N, C-alpha and C. Protein backbone atom coordinates (compact mmCIF):
# COMPACT_ATOMS: atom_id res chain seq x y z
N MET A 1 89.34 76.05 103.83
CA MET A 1 88.81 77.48 102.57
C MET A 1 89.95 78.26 102.38
N LYS A 2 90.32 78.81 101.69
CA LYS A 2 91.33 79.65 101.00
C LYS A 2 90.99 81.07 101.68
N THR A 3 91.85 81.83 102.02
CA THR A 3 92.00 82.71 102.34
C THR A 3 92.71 83.98 102.03
N VAL A 4 92.75 85.54 101.77
CA VAL A 4 93.80 86.37 101.76
C VAL A 4 93.88 87.25 103.21
N ASP A 5 94.91 87.64 103.55
CA ASP A 5 95.57 88.38 105.17
C ASP A 5 96.32 89.60 104.22
N TYR A 6 95.79 90.93 104.75
CA TYR A 6 96.07 92.07 105.20
C TYR A 6 95.81 93.03 106.17
N LYS A 7 97.03 93.84 106.44
CA LYS A 7 97.18 94.40 107.78
C LYS A 7 96.15 94.16 108.80
N GLY A 8 96.41 92.23 109.23
CA GLY A 8 95.88 91.82 110.32
C GLY A 8 94.50 91.38 109.85
N PHE A 9 93.76 91.74 108.71
CA PHE A 9 92.69 91.31 108.61
C PHE A 9 92.49 90.40 107.41
N LYS A 10 91.24 89.18 107.74
CA LYS A 10 91.57 88.23 106.87
C LYS A 10 90.36 88.15 105.92
N GLY A 11 90.25 87.77 104.89
CA GLY A 11 89.17 87.73 104.01
C GLY A 11 89.04 86.34 102.97
N SER A 12 88.00 86.37 102.73
CA SER A 12 87.28 84.55 102.03
C SER A 12 87.45 84.72 100.96
N ILE A 13 87.93 83.63 100.44
CA ILE A 13 87.95 83.60 99.16
C ILE A 13 86.99 82.61 98.44
N GLU A 14 86.20 82.80 97.51
CA GLU A 14 84.86 82.05 96.76
C GLU A 14 85.01 82.33 95.56
N PHE A 15 84.39 81.19 94.65
CA PHE A 15 84.50 81.54 93.17
C PHE A 15 83.12 81.04 92.82
N ASN A 16 82.53 81.71 92.06
CA ASN A 16 81.18 81.52 91.14
C ASN A 16 81.35 81.16 89.71
N GLU A 17 80.77 79.89 89.50
CA GLU A 17 81.31 80.12 88.53
C GLU A 17 80.21 79.95 86.97
N ASN A 18 79.19 80.64 87.48
CA ASN A 18 78.08 81.16 86.88
C ASN A 18 78.32 82.31 86.32
N ASP A 19 78.82 83.09 87.09
CA ASP A 19 79.51 84.48 86.68
C ASP A 19 81.06 84.27 86.29
N ALA A 20 81.53 83.66 86.70
CA ALA A 20 83.27 83.20 86.11
C ALA A 20 83.98 84.23 87.17
N LEU A 21 83.25 84.89 88.57
CA LEU A 21 84.11 85.83 89.43
C LEU A 21 84.37 84.96 90.55
N PHE A 22 85.60 85.73 91.04
CA PHE A 22 86.09 85.34 92.50
C PHE A 22 85.54 86.17 93.35
N HIS A 23 85.20 86.19 94.55
CA HIS A 23 84.59 87.12 95.60
C HIS A 23 84.82 86.91 97.02
N GLY A 24 84.82 87.36 97.90
CA GLY A 24 84.92 87.49 99.45
C GLY A 24 83.95 88.30 100.01
N LYS A 25 84.44 88.20 101.27
CA LYS A 25 84.36 89.34 102.55
C LYS A 25 85.31 89.30 103.60
N ILE A 26 85.39 89.92 104.48
CA ILE A 26 86.52 90.51 104.93
C ILE A 26 85.70 89.78 106.78
N MET A 27 86.60 88.95 106.91
CA MET A 27 86.23 88.50 108.09
C MET A 27 86.26 88.61 109.72
N ASP A 28 85.75 88.30 110.53
CA ASP A 28 85.59 88.51 111.84
C ASP A 28 85.78 89.88 112.24
N ILE A 29 84.69 90.63 111.36
CA ILE A 29 84.31 92.09 111.92
C ILE A 29 82.98 92.08 111.94
N ASP A 30 82.31 93.36 112.66
CA ASP A 30 81.11 93.42 112.89
C ASP A 30 80.64 94.07 111.21
N ASP A 31 80.58 94.41 110.66
CA ASP A 31 80.34 94.73 109.23
C ASP A 31 80.58 94.11 108.46
N LEU A 32 79.71 94.14 107.24
CA LEU A 32 79.93 93.59 105.98
C LEU A 32 80.53 94.15 104.88
N VAL A 33 81.98 93.82 104.29
CA VAL A 33 82.67 94.45 103.57
C VAL A 33 83.04 93.52 102.46
N SER A 34 82.36 93.24 101.37
CA SER A 34 82.89 92.22 99.99
C SER A 34 83.66 93.16 99.17
N TYR A 35 84.05 92.24 98.37
CA TYR A 35 85.17 92.57 97.27
C TYR A 35 85.29 91.25 96.22
N GLU A 36 85.88 91.80 95.35
CA GLU A 36 85.65 90.88 94.27
C GLU A 36 86.80 91.00 92.94
N GLY A 37 86.74 90.07 92.00
CA GLY A 37 88.10 90.42 90.60
C GLY A 37 88.09 89.24 90.02
N LYS A 38 87.87 88.87 88.67
CA LYS A 38 88.36 88.32 87.77
C LYS A 38 89.32 87.03 87.83
N ASP A 39 90.25 87.62 88.65
CA ASP A 39 90.95 85.97 88.88
C ASP A 39 91.42 86.80 90.28
N GLU A 40 92.19 85.47 90.61
CA GLU A 40 92.78 85.57 92.13
C GLU A 40 93.53 86.85 92.45
N LYS A 41 94.47 87.40 91.56
CA LYS A 41 95.29 88.61 91.44
C LYS A 41 94.42 89.89 92.17
N GLU A 42 93.57 89.72 91.09
CA GLU A 42 92.34 91.24 90.90
C GLU A 42 91.26 91.00 92.38
N LEU A 43 91.35 89.81 92.72
CA LEU A 43 90.61 89.78 94.12
C LEU A 43 91.16 90.20 95.26
N GLU A 44 92.49 90.10 95.46
CA GLU A 44 93.52 90.66 96.20
C GLU A 44 93.65 91.81 96.29
N GLU A 45 94.15 92.54 94.97
CA GLU A 45 94.16 94.02 95.05
C GLU A 45 92.64 94.55 95.58
N ASP A 46 91.62 94.00 95.02
CA ASP A 46 90.32 94.35 95.84
C ASP A 46 90.18 94.19 96.85
N PHE A 47 90.46 92.85 97.75
CA PHE A 47 90.75 93.02 99.25
C PHE A 47 90.86 94.27 99.89
N GLN A 48 92.44 94.36 99.26
CA GLN A 48 93.51 95.50 99.82
C GLN A 48 92.58 96.69 100.06
N GLY A 49 92.08 97.21 98.45
CA GLY A 49 91.53 97.93 98.54
C GLY A 49 90.15 98.58 99.81
N ALA A 50 89.48 96.95 99.80
CA ALA A 50 88.29 97.05 100.92
C ALA A 50 88.83 97.40 102.09
N VAL A 51 89.71 96.53 102.69
CA VAL A 51 90.53 96.57 103.96
C VAL A 51 90.55 98.28 104.24
N ASP A 52 91.84 99.08 103.05
CA ASP A 52 92.28 100.31 103.37
C ASP A 52 90.96 101.01 103.57
N ASP A 53 89.70 101.02 102.57
CA ASP A 53 88.68 101.71 102.50
C ASP A 53 87.68 101.54 104.19
N TYR A 54 87.63 100.47 104.91
CA TYR A 54 87.02 99.79 105.80
C TYR A 54 87.58 101.12 106.66
N LEU A 55 89.02 101.19 106.80
CA LEU A 55 89.69 101.63 107.93
C LEU A 55 89.84 102.88 107.93
N ARG A 56 89.61 103.83 106.71
CA ARG A 56 89.07 104.82 106.59
C ARG A 56 88.02 105.52 106.56
N ILE A 57 86.62 104.61 107.02
CA ILE A 57 85.42 104.78 107.20
C ILE A 57 85.46 104.46 108.85
N CYS A 58 86.19 103.50 109.48
CA CYS A 58 86.11 103.37 110.37
C CYS A 58 86.67 104.93 111.33
N GLU A 59 87.81 105.41 110.94
CA GLU A 59 88.96 106.39 111.41
C GLU A 59 87.89 107.75 110.90
N LYS A 60 87.19 107.98 110.01
CA LYS A 60 86.22 109.31 109.85
C LYS A 60 84.98 109.15 110.62
N LEU A 61 84.40 107.71 111.24
CA LEU A 61 83.45 107.56 112.11
C LEU A 61 83.99 107.57 113.30
N LYS A 62 84.83 107.62 113.51
CA LYS A 62 85.72 107.30 114.85
C LYS A 62 85.02 106.27 115.59
N LYS A 63 85.47 104.71 114.98
CA LYS A 63 84.59 103.68 115.16
C LYS A 63 86.22 103.04 115.23
N GLN A 64 86.39 102.02 116.27
CA GLN A 64 87.27 101.47 116.46
C GLN A 64 87.23 99.84 115.57
N ALA A 65 87.77 100.10 114.45
CA ALA A 65 88.27 98.82 113.68
C ALA A 65 88.77 97.80 114.02
N ASN A 66 88.01 96.90 115.10
CA ASN A 66 88.70 95.93 115.76
C ASN A 66 88.28 94.59 115.26
N ILE A 67 89.01 93.56 115.18
CA ILE A 67 89.19 92.13 114.40
C ILE A 67 88.74 91.40 115.91
N LEU A 68 87.37 90.40 115.47
CA LEU A 68 86.55 89.89 116.49
C LEU A 68 87.64 88.84 116.97
């Protein structure tokens, strides 16, 4: 399985042929955070944004952003 990495987080990469869209989710966390893109570059950019958003939300909620 192909993955992307950013700030210690790992994300999956999958391709939906019907939608011609890459998608994935942040792996090894207790929450569901997904992202998508029309190509691998856009997917990676959305993944990085999703990680940054997740970290901001965890900070706001005073929740530890633990990687399992």
